[in-house]
Amino acid sequence: MENVLYFINVSMCTGVFYAVYVTLFRNSPAFKMNRIYLLAGMIFSFIIPAVDLSLVPMDYHLDATVLIPAATLDNVEFYRLAADQTASPAFFYMLPILYWGGFVFAVFRLQYHVVWLMKMKNSSKVSKDGMLTIVHADISQPFSFMNMIFLPRGGVSPLVLEHEKAHIRRQHWIDLVLTEFVAAVLWFNPIMRLYRKSIRIQHEYEADAETILNGASIEKYLDCILYHLGYADQGGLLSPFHSQNIKQRILMMTRTNRSQKSTMLYLLCLTLVCGLLLAFSTTSLRTNQVFQSIIPSEENDIVLIVDAGHGGHDVGAYGNGVNEKDLTLAIAKSIQEEGKKAGVRVILTRTGDDAISLEERVSIAGRHRANAFLSLHINKHDTNPAASGIDVLISNSNQQADKSLRLAEQLKNELSTLGAIKVNNIQNSNFYVLSKNTIPAIILELGYVSNSEDTAFLALDKNQKLISERIISAMVHYTK
């Protein structure tokens, strides 16, 4: 789902960049700057949603050396989940299949077009003009691609040839290849059709201007354009001589470039990029969850924040066919169910496969009258598969370090009764969720995914229930 949100944000960014182009630059004679703007807007549309503006440092996950990303918390009220999150509609499971199907089809079309061009070249008469390859083919309209100019067998006006050479000199084909690939990635975005068309018309303006600058008579040049008026536009990767925007091209040939005014407008686009960063950066993707059932915490309640480690693109540790993010979420939900039986209100920091930042997780605890914060993880040792057991971590930098230690000892005692998995000594750590919490905070590394016995034990529902019972029992005894 996070990938879907990313591409939606990319599409929205392209829409904003294109809207600014239409409003400010479409009729500007600064063709080169327009071309740069459109290409930069396309590239920045992919970069902006991936930028993380968070000031919260990344946290290391013990031996797994997996980074948990951080993000800036927006000002949203948090609530607890009394019931498990409902399953996503089947439609959302079909979205990746639908998207990749469209992408593969678009790439196939692009590849087919290239193969068609190469076959045409190989079956036609070819000559050289310096570094250029001239292909005399059975076509009605001249066009260029890479360093090749395709001409009708009957020949064309020297002005037409000069126009196509201008396309090659300015390497317009690179823009077209990039645009076609982006259009394939964003095949579902209707804006890309207009975006692609705008880049191509800027190419025509540039080629027209260079041809006239090289001494061509405007009258004779217009005659060439009008001669090719009735031919179809090939589109795609090609730079054809004919363009459907004849009237606009004629107007642009006679327009002067007010460079100073145009430059000032392009400088204002820096403000646009900053605005898009604030609106569509990664921090906007990781919004806080408003849970299904709103039950505020009361003063006399036993409230436990349970944080299922990792989530979303951050899978955590992986081993023996198990993802850490899935296992921690399953156990977190089990703890919530056991908490209901014992009168402990369990608030989950995430209820689905979501990427939640460290700051966000800690802030949830700060918005409730919670007694403690418990972060669940599964460890991994890359070089020692025999490493096993439950690790209990606290931080001496926590504002309530003494209470954290007392809860850690209670958890160690309760979990030691499991028998099937050992509990290691309590360790000190300055991980973000421990040191930055204002309430007692514990990290439980519930075993090692690199250890087959630990993994087999943790994967069973009945054992997850046993662990949950011990955790809730420890919490009840701690609050007495």
Protein backbone atom coordinates (compact mmCIF):
# COMPACT_ATOMS: atom_id res chain seq x y z
CA MET A 1 0.00 0.00 0.00
CA GLU A 2 2.89 2.33 0.72
CA ASN A 3 4.15 1.94 -2.87
CA VAL A 4 0.69 2.88 -4.12
CA LEU A 5 0.79 6.05 -2.00
CA TYR A 6 4.25 6.86 -3.33
CA PHE A 7 3.16 6.69 -6.97
CA ILE A 8 0.03 8.70 -6.20
CA ASN A 9 2.22 11.41 -4.67
CA VAL A 10 4.56 11.27 -7.68
CA SER A 11 1.55 11.75 -9.97
CA MET A 12 0.31 14.68 -7.91
CA CYS A 13 3.74 16.32 -8.08
CA THR A 14 3.83 15.97 -11.87
CA GLY A 15 0.39 17.53 -11.97
CA VAL A 16 1.57 20.53 -9.95
CA PHE A 17 4.70 21.01 -12.06
CA TYR A 18 2.65 20.79 -15.25
CA ALA A 19 0.03 23.23 -13.96
CA VAL A 20 2.78 25.78 -13.24
CA TYR A 21 4.21 25.22 -16.72
CA VAL A 22 0.85 25.86 -18.37
CA THR A 23 0.21 28.94 -16.25
CA LEU A 24 3.63 30.62 -16.46
CA PHE A 25 5.88 29.14 -19.13
CA ARG A 26 3.91 27.56 -21.95
CA ASN A 27 3.96 30.72 -24.07
CA SER A 28 7.45 31.80 -23.04
CA PRO A 29 10.07 31.93 -25.84
CA ALA A 30 12.72 30.63 -23.40
CA PHE A 31 12.57 27.21 -25.04
CA LYS A 32 15.70 25.79 -23.45
CA MET A 33 14.60 26.84 -19.96
CA ASN A 34 11.13 25.41 -20.58
CA ARG A 35 12.66 22.12 -21.63
CA ILE A 36 14.89 22.06 -18.53
CA TYR A 37 11.93 22.94 -16.30
CA LEU A 38 9.76 20.12 -17.66
CA LEU A 39 12.52 17.53 -17.39
CA ALA A 40 13.53 18.68 -13.90
CA GLY A 41 9.89 18.67 -12.80
CA MET A 42 9.54 15.08 -13.98
CA ILE A 43 12.66 14.00 -12.09
CA PHE A 44 11.85 15.94 -8.92
CA SER A 45 8.37 14.39 -8.91
CA PHE A 46 10.04 11.06 -8.14
CA ILE A 47 12.55 12.47 -5.67
CA ILE A 48 10.27 14.63 -3.52
CA PRO A 49 7.97 11.88 -2.15
CA ALA A 50 11.05 9.81 -1.23
CA VAL A 51 12.72 12.61 0.76
CA ASP A 52 12.61 12.24 4.55
CA LEU A 53 12.59 15.61 6.31
CA SER A 54 12.68 14.13 9.77
CA LEU A 55 15.11 15.39 12.39
CA VAL A 56 14.79 12.21 14.47
CA PRO A 57 17.90 10.01 14.24
CA MET A 58 17.72 6.46 12.94
CA ASP A 59 17.89 3.67 15.47
CA TYR A 60 19.95 0.49 15.15
CA HIS A 61 18.33 -2.84 15.80
CA LEU A 62 21.00 -4.74 17.76
CA ASP A 63 22.72 -7.46 15.73
CA ALA A 64 20.18 -7.24 12.94
CA THR A 65 21.66 -3.85 12.01
CA VAL A 66 18.34 -2.82 10.54
CA LEU A 67 17.52 0.88 10.57
CA ILE A 68 14.12 2.08 11.69
CA PRO A 69 13.28 5.25 9.71
CA ALA A 70 12.12 8.38 11.52
CA ALA A 71 9.64 11.05 10.56
CA THR A 72 8.20 14.27 11.93
CA LEU A 73 4.99 13.81 13.92
CA ASP A 74 1.99 15.78 12.82
CA ASN A 75 -0.45 17.14 15.38
CA VAL A 76 -3.07 14.40 15.45
CA GLU A 77 -4.75 12.99 18.53
CA PHE A 78 -4.08 9.28 19.18
CA TYR A 79 -6.59 6.71 20.35
CA ARG A 80 -6.49 3.06 21.19
CA LEU A 81 -7.79 0.16 19.18
CA ALA A 82 -10.31 -1.98 21.04
CA ALA A 83 -10.83 -4.36 18.14
CA ASP A 84 -8.42 -5.72 15.58
CA GLN A 85 -8.13 -3.86 12.32
CA THR A 86 -10.42 -5.27 9.64
CA ALA A 87 -8.89 -6.95 6.63
CA SER A 88 -8.20 -4.81 3.58
CA PRO A 89 -10.63 -5.23 0.67
CA ALA A 90 -9.55 -7.67 -2.01
CA PHE A 91 -9.29 -4.73 -4.40
CA PHE A 92 -6.15 -3.47 -2.65
CA TYR A 93 -4.47 -6.82 -3.16
CA MET A 94 -5.18 -6.50 -6.88
CA LEU A 95 -3.63 -3.04 -7.17
CA PRO A 96 0.00 -4.25 -7.49
CA ILE A 97 -1.01 -6.79 -10.14
CA LEU A 98 -2.97 -4.15 -12.05
CA TYR A 99 -0.13 -1.63 -11.84
CA TRP A 100 2.65 -3.99 -12.91
CA GLY A 101 0.50 -5.35 -15.70
CA GLY A 102 0.08 -1.83 -17.10
CA PHE A 103 3.79 -1.10 -16.65
CA VAL A 104 4.89 -4.26 -18.48
CA PHE A 105 2.49 -3.46 -21.34
CA ALA A 106 3.84 0.11 -21.63
CA VAL A 107 7.47 -1.08 -21.61
CA PHE A 108 6.63 -3.71 -24.22
CA ARG A 109 5.19 -1.00 -26.48
CA LEU A 110 8.34 1.08 -26.01
CA GLN A 111 10.56 -1.89 -26.83
CA TYR A 112 8.44 -2.74 -29.87
CA HIS A 113 8.89 0.81 -31.18
CA VAL A 114 12.70 0.57 -30.89
CA VAL A 115 12.74 -2.81 -32.64
CA TRP A 116 10.55 -1.37 -35.42
CA LEU A 117 13.03 1.46 -35.94
CA MET A 118 16.01 -0.90 -36.09
CA LYS A 119 14.25 -3.16 -38.59
CA MET A 120 13.42 -0.14 -40.75
CA LYS A 121 17.06 0.97 -40.68
CA ASN A 122 18.33 -2.51 -41.59
CA SER A 123 15.94 -2.82 -44.56
CA SER A 124 16.61 0.68 -45.96
CA LYS A 125 19.36 2.49 -47.83
CA VAL A 126 21.81 4.04 -45.38
CA SER A 127 24.33 6.83 -45.93
CA LYS A 128 26.60 8.93 -43.73
CA ASP A 129 26.66 12.69 -43.17
CA GLY A 130 29.60 13.18 -40.84
CA MET A 131 28.66 11.54 -37.54
CA LEU A 132 25.02 11.25 -38.61
CA THR A 133 23.33 8.26 -40.21
CA ILE A 134 20.83 9.08 -42.95
CA VAL A 135 18.21 6.36 -43.54
CA HIS A 136 16.19 6.56 -46.80
CA ALA A 137 13.05 4.58 -45.95
CA ASP A 138 9.52 4.02 -47.24
CA ILE A 139 7.97 6.73 -45.10
CA SER A 140 6.02 9.88 -45.83
CA GLN A 141 7.32 12.04 -42.99
CA PRO A 142 10.96 12.72 -41.97
CA PHE A 143 11.96 12.15 -38.36
CA SER A 144 15.06 11.62 -36.23
CA PHE A 145 16.10 9.35 -33.37
CA MET A 146 19.48 9.24 -31.65
CA ASN A 147 22.05 10.04 -34.39
CA MET A 148 19.78 8.74 -37.18
CA ILE A 149 17.66 10.82 -39.54
CA PHE A 150 14.94 8.93 -41.42
CA LEU A 151 13.97 10.54 -44.74
CA PRO A 152 11.44 9.62 -47.45
CA ARG A 153 13.07 7.97 -50.49
CA GLY A 154 12.02 10.90 -52.69
CA GLY A 155 14.14 13.32 -50.67
CA VAL A 156 13.25 16.44 -48.69
CA SER A 157 14.09 20.13 -48.55
CA PRO A 158 17.50 21.01 -47.06
CA LEU A 159 15.60 23.02 -44.44
CA VAL A 160 13.84 19.89 -43.25
CA LEU A 161 17.17 18.11 -42.98
CA GLU A 162 18.59 21.05 -41.02
CA HIS A 163 15.60 20.89 -38.66
CA GLU A 164 16.21 17.21 -37.94
CA LYS A 165 19.92 17.84 -37.42
CA ALA A 166 18.98 20.46 -34.81
CA HIS A 167 17.03 17.77 -32.93
CA ILE A 168 20.10 15.56 -32.88
CA ARG A 169 22.53 18.33 -31.92
CA ARG A 170 20.37 19.19 -28.92
CA GLN A 171 20.00 15.48 -28.06
CA HIS A 172 16.23 15.62 -27.86
CA TRP A 173 16.07 11.86 -28.16
CA ILE A 174 17.38 11.53 -24.58
CA ASP A 175 14.44 13.59 -23.32
CA LEU A 176 12.04 11.43 -25.30
CA VAL A 177 13.44 8.14 -23.99
CA LEU A 178 13.30 9.43 -20.41
CA THR A 179 9.77 10.76 -20.89
CA GLU A 180 8.55 7.52 -22.43
CA PHE A 181 9.98 5.52 -19.54
CA VAL A 182 8.38 7.82 -16.97
CA ALA A 183 5.11 7.60 -18.89
CA ALA A 184 5.40 3.80 -18.61
CA VAL A 185 5.96 4.02 -14.84
CA LEU A 186 3.04 6.44 -14.47
CA TRP A 187 0.89 4.87 -17.17
CA PHE A 188 -2.23 5.46 -15.04
CA ASN A 189 -1.61 9.22 -14.81
CA PRO A 190 -3.45 11.16 -17.57
CA ILE A 191 -1.24 14.20 -16.95
CA MET A 192 1.70 12.34 -18.49
CA ARG A 193 0.07 12.44 -21.93
CA LEU A 194 -0.02 16.24 -21.76
CA TYR A 195 3.43 16.38 -20.15
CA ARG A 196 4.94 14.31 -22.95
CA LYS A 197 3.26 16.45 -25.60
CA SER A 198 4.60 19.65 -24.00
CA ILE A 199 8.18 18.38 -23.99
CA ARG A 200 7.93 17.47 -27.65
CA ILE A 201 6.56 20.89 -28.65
CA GLN A 202 9.45 22.57 -26.81
CA HIS A 203 11.77 20.42 -28.90
CA GLU A 204 10.07 21.69 -32.05
CA TYR A 205 10.42 25.29 -30.90
CA GLU A 206 14.12 24.76 -30.25
CA ALA A 207 14.73 23.10 -33.62
CA ASP A 208 12.74 25.81 -35.45
CA ALA A 209 14.69 28.58 -33.72
CA GLU A 210 18.06 26.98 -34.49
CA THR A 211 17.14 26.40 -38.14
CA ILE A 212 16.16 30.04 -38.61
CA LEU A 213 19.19 31.23 -36.63
CA ASN A 214 21.41 29.32 -39.08
CA GLY A 215 20.15 31.54 -41.94
CA ALA A 216 16.96 29.90 -43.16
CA SER A 217 14.33 32.21 -44.64
CA ILE A 218 11.21 32.20 -42.47
CA GLU A 219 8.98 32.27 -45.59
CA LYS A 220 10.66 29.22 -47.16
CA TYR A 221 10.74 27.45 -43.82
CA LEU A 222 7.01 27.98 -43.33
CA ASP A 223 6.41 26.57 -46.81
CA CYS A 224 8.22 23.40 -45.73
CA ILE A 225 6.08 23.12 -42.60
CA LEU A 226 2.86 23.66 -44.55
CA TYR A 227 3.91 21.06 -47.12
CA HIS A 228 4.07 18.43 -44.39
CA LEU A 229 0.84 19.59 -42.72
CA GLY A 230 -1.25 16.66 -43.87
CA TYR A 231 1.05 13.91 -42.57
CA ALA A 232 0.33 11.94 -39.42
CA ASP A 233 2.45 12.46 -36.31
CA GLN A 234 4.41 9.33 -35.37
CA GLY A 235 4.79 10.40 -31.72
CA GLY A 236 6.62 8.26 -29.16
CA LEU A 237 10.41 8.25 -29.33
CA LEU A 238 10.66 10.14 -32.61
CA SER A 239 11.36 13.79 -33.40
CA PRO A 240 9.26 14.34 -36.53
CA PHE A 241 9.44 17.44 -38.71
CA HIS A 242 5.67 17.87 -38.64
CA SER A 243 3.87 18.94 -35.49
CA GLN A 244 0.15 19.44 -34.98
CA ASN A 245 0.86 22.75 -33.20
CA ILE A 246 1.66 24.60 -36.45
CA LYS A 247 -0.01 27.86 -35.47
CA GLN A 248 1.79 27.96 -32.14
CA ARG A 249 5.14 27.22 -33.81
CA ILE A 250 4.66 30.09 -36.22
CA LEU A 251 3.88 32.46 -33.33
CA MET A 252 6.97 31.31 -31.44
CA MET A 253 9.23 31.93 -34.45
CA THR A 254 8.43 35.63 -34.27
CA ARG A 255 8.50 36.04 -30.50
CA THR A 256 11.53 37.54 -28.76
CA ASN A 257 13.02 36.09 -25.60
CA ARG A 258 12.56 38.30 -22.53
CA SER A 259 15.29 36.45 -20.69
CA GLN A 260 15.46 38.54 -17.48
CA LYS A 261 11.76 38.24 -16.74
CA SER A 262 11.75 34.53 -17.59
CA THR A 263 14.78 33.87 -15.37
CA MET A 264 13.04 35.48 -12.39
CA LEU A 265 9.99 33.25 -12.93
CA TYR A 266 12.15 30.13 -13.02
CA LEU A 267 13.87 31.17 -9.80
CA LEU A 268 10.44 31.30 -8.16
CA CYS A 269 10.15 27.59 -8.93
CA LEU A 270 12.52 26.95 -6.01
CA THR A 271 9.63 28.01 -3.80
CA LEU A 272 7.44 25.50 -5.61
CA VAL A 273 9.92 22.68 -4.92
CA CYS A 274 10.06 23.64 -1.22
CA GLY A 275 6.28 23.63 -1.03
CA LEU A 276 6.07 20.21 -2.65
CA LEU A 277 8.70 18.88 -0.25
CA LEU A 278 6.55 19.95 2.69
CA ALA A 279 3.40 18.53 1.12
CA PHE A 280 4.60 15.25 -0.39
CA SER A 281 7.81 14.21 1.37
CA THR A 282 8.03 10.85 3.16
CA THR A 283 6.80 12.38 6.39
CA SER A 284 3.44 12.98 4.72
CA LEU A 285 3.14 9.28 3.82
CA ARG A 286 3.54 8.12 7.40
CA THR A 287 0.48 9.73 8.87
CA ASN A 288 -0.68 8.87 12.34
CA GLN A 289 -3.45 6.34 12.69
CA VAL A 290 -6.85 7.23 14.16
CA PHE A 291 -8.04 3.91 15.47
CA GLN A 292 -11.44 2.39 14.88
CA SER A 293 -12.76 2.42 18.43
CA ILE A 294 -12.18 5.52 20.52
CA ILE A 295 -11.94 4.67 24.22
CA PRO A 296 -10.06 7.33 26.19
CA SER A 297 -7.76 6.23 28.99
CA GLU A 298 -9.01 6.88 32.52
CA GLU A 299 -6.89 7.76 35.50
CA ASN A 300 -7.25 4.41 37.30
CA ASP A 301 -6.79 2.20 34.24
CA ILE A 302 -3.71 0.06 33.70
CA VAL A 303 -2.53 1.26 30.30
CA LEU A 304 0.26 -0.39 28.33
CA ILE A 305 1.62 0.92 25.03
CA VAL A 306 2.70 -2.05 22.90
CA ASP A 307 4.89 -1.16 19.96
CA ALA A 308 5.20 -3.80 17.22
CA GLY A 309 8.65 -3.10 15.81
CA HIS A 310 9.25 -2.18 12.16
CA GLY A 311 6.47 -2.30 9.54
CA GLY A 312 5.81 -1.24 5.97
CA HIS A 313 8.97 -1.08 3.86
CA ASP A 314 11.02 -1.81 7.01
CA VAL A 315 10.72 -5.60 7.37
CA GLY A 316 13.22 -5.78 10.24
CA ALA A 317 15.18 -8.99 10.71
CA TYR A 318 14.52 -11.97 8.47
CA GLY A 319 15.42 -15.61 8.97
CA ASN A 320 14.03 -19.12 8.77
CA GLY A 321 11.15 -17.89 6.60
CA VAL A 322 10.00 -15.31 9.16
CA ASN A 323 9.78 -11.51 8.88
CA GLU A 324 10.28 -9.64 12.13
CA LYS A 325 7.60 -7.04 11.32
CA ASP A 326 4.92 -9.74 10.87
CA LEU A 327 5.84 -11.66 14.01
CA THR A 328 5.95 -8.59 16.26
CA LEU A 329 2.54 -7.45 15.01
CA ALA A 330 0.98 -10.86 15.63
CA ILE A 331 2.32 -10.95 19.20
CA ALA A 332 1.26 -7.34 19.82
CA LYS A 333 -2.32 -8.19 18.86
CA SER A 334 -2.18 -11.27 21.07
CA ILE A 335 -1.05 -9.10 24.01
CA GLN A 336 -3.99 -6.81 23.35
CA GLU A 337 -6.41 -9.74 23.52
CA GLU A 338 -4.91 -11.03 26.76
CA GLY A 339 -5.01 -7.52 28.18
CA LYS A 340 -8.77 -7.36 27.74
CA LYS A 341 -9.16 -10.47 29.93
CA ALA A 342 -7.03 -8.97 32.72
CA GLY A 343 -8.40 -5.43 32.60
CA VAL A 344 -5.27 -3.96 31.02
CA ARG A 345 -5.85 -1.45 28.26
CA VAL A 346 -3.34 -2.18 25.52
CA ILE A 347 -2.74 0.57 22.96
CA LEU A 348 -1.00 -0.54 19.77
CA THR A 349 1.32 1.84 17.94
CA ARG A 350 0.44 0.08 14.70
CA THR A 351 -2.33 -2.32 13.79
CA GLY A 352 -1.30 -3.14 10.23
CA ASP A 353 1.72 -3.31 7.97
CA ASP A 354 2.51 0.40 8.34
CA ALA A 355 5.80 2.30 8.54
CA ILE A 356 5.62 4.23 11.83
CA SER A 357 8.46 6.55 12.81
CA LEU A 358 10.33 6.36 16.09
CA GLU A 359 9.13 9.80 17.13
CA GLU A 360 5.58 8.82 16.35
CA ARG A 361 5.80 5.67 18.47
CA VAL A 362 7.18 7.59 21.45
CA SER A 363 4.63 10.39 21.09
CA ILE A 364 1.76 7.91 21.35
CA ALA A 365 2.91 7.13 24.89
CA GLY A 366 3.06 10.83 25.68
CA ARG A 367 -0.58 11.35 24.68
CA HIS A 368 -1.98 8.80 27.12
CA ARG A 369 -1.84 8.22 30.83
CA ALA A 370 0.12 5.07 30.12
CA ASN A 371 1.92 3.10 32.81
CA ALA A 372 4.62 1.73 30.49
CA PHE A 373 5.86 1.44 26.92
CA LEU A 374 6.81 -2.00 25.57
CA SER A 375 8.52 -2.31 22.17
CA LEU A 376 8.57 -5.78 20.61
CA HIS A 377 11.39 -6.99 18.37
CA ILE A 378 12.96 -10.23 17.18
CA ASN A 379 16.74 -10.38 17.17
CA LYS A 380 19.18 -11.83 14.64
CA HIS A 381 22.82 -12.86 14.78
CA ASP A 382 24.42 -13.00 11.33
CA THR A 383 27.46 -15.07 12.35
CA ASN A 384 26.24 -17.18 15.27
CA PRO A 385 23.08 -19.21 14.55
CA ALA A 386 23.30 -20.68 18.07
CA ALA A 387 22.54 -17.28 19.65
CA SER A 388 19.08 -17.49 21.19
CA GLY A 389 16.80 -16.35 23.96
CA ILE A 390 14.80 -13.32 25.05
CA ASP A 391 16.67 -10.07 25.67
CA VAL A 392 15.22 -7.38 27.95
CA LEU A 393 16.54 -3.86 27.30
CA ILE A 394 16.16 -0.64 29.27
CA SER A 395 17.87 2.77 29.15
CA ASN A 396 19.56 4.56 32.04
CA SER A 397 18.73 7.78 30.15
CA ASN A 398 15.01 7.19 30.52
CA GLN A 399 13.33 9.72 32.82
CA GLN A 400 11.98 6.85 34.92
CA ALA A 401 14.91 4.48 34.68
CA ASP A 402 14.29 2.98 38.11
CA LYS A 403 10.72 2.04 37.21
CA SER A 404 11.92 0.71 33.85
CA LEU A 405 14.32 -1.59 35.70
CA ARG A 406 11.59 -2.77 38.06
CA LEU A 407 9.29 -3.61 35.14
CA ALA A 408 12.16 -5.29 33.28
CA GLU A 409 12.84 -7.54 36.27
CA GLN A 410 9.15 -8.42 36.51
CA LEU A 411 9.07 -9.28 32.79
CA LYS A 412 12.20 -11.39 33.09
CA ASN A 413 10.72 -13.35 36.00
CA GLU A 414 7.42 -14.00 34.22
CA LEU A 415 8.98 -14.92 30.85
CA SER A 416 11.45 -17.27 32.56
CA THR A 417 8.50 -19.53 33.43
CA LEU A 418 8.02 -20.31 29.73
CA GLY A 419 10.80 -22.89 29.92
CA ALA A 420 10.97 -23.57 26.20
CA ILE A 421 12.99 -20.41 25.56
CA LYS A 422 15.60 -18.89 27.85
CA VAL A 423 15.64 -15.29 29.09
CA ASN A 424 18.98 -13.49 29.00
CA ASN A 425 20.21 -10.81 31.36
CA ILE A 426 18.73 -7.32 31.39
CA GLN A 427 20.80 -4.99 29.19
CA ASN A 428 21.20 -1.22 29.02
CA SER A 429 20.69 0.62 25.72
CA ASN A 430 20.08 4.17 24.56
CA PHE A 431 17.75 3.30 21.71
CA TYR A 432 15.41 6.16 20.84
CA VAL A 433 12.21 4.53 22.07
CA LEU A 434 13.86 3.88 25.43
CA SER A 435 15.84 7.04 26.09
CA LYS A 436 13.27 9.53 24.73
CA ASN A 437 10.24 8.10 26.48
CA THR A 438 8.86 9.96 29.49
CA ILE A 439 7.37 6.78 30.95
CA PRO A 440 9.01 3.46 31.86
CA ALA A 441 10.10 1.86 28.61
CA ILE A 442 11.26 -1.64 27.72
CA ILE A 443 12.42 -3.34 24.54
CA LEU A 444 11.75 -7.06 24.40
CA GLU A 445 13.82 -9.00 21.87
CA LEU A 446 11.64 -12.10 21.95
CA GLY A 447 14.14 -14.46 20.35
CA TYR A 448 16.37 -14.83 17.31
CA VAL A 449 15.09 -15.38 13.77
CA SER A 450 18.58 -16.70 13.00
CA ASN A 451 17.95 -19.53 15.49
CA SER A 452 15.66 -22.24 14.13
CA GLU A 453 14.43 -23.32 17.60
CA ASP A 454 13.53 -19.76 18.63
CA THR A 455 11.76 -19.19 15.32
CA ALA A 456 9.79 -22.44 15.58
CA PHE A 457 8.68 -21.53 19.10
CA LEU A 458 7.64 -17.97 18.27
CA ALA A 459 5.77 -18.92 15.10
CA LEU A 460 3.15 -20.99 16.99
CA ASP A 461 -0.05 -19.20 18.00
CA LYS A 462 -0.23 -21.07 21.31
CA ASN A 463 3.27 -19.88 22.24
CA GLN A 464 2.46 -16.31 21.26
CA LYS A 465 -0.51 -16.57 23.61
CA LEU A 466 1.72 -17.87 26.42
CA ILE A 467 4.16 -14.98 25.92
CA SER A 468 1.26 -12.52 25.93
CA GLU A 469 -0.12 -13.95 29.17
CA ARG A 470 3.26 -13.60 30.87
CA ILE A 471 3.66 -10.00 29.68
CA ILE A 472 0.21 -9.01 30.92
CA SER A 473 0.84 -10.80 34.23
CA ALA A 474 4.11 -8.87 34.64
CA MET A 475 2.29 -5.62 33.92
CA VAL A 476 -0.42 -6.34 36.50
CA HIS A 477 2.14 -7.21 39.20
CA TYR A 478 4.22 -4.16 38.32
CA THR A 479 1.31 -1.77 38.87
CA LYS A 480 0.29 -3.20 42.23
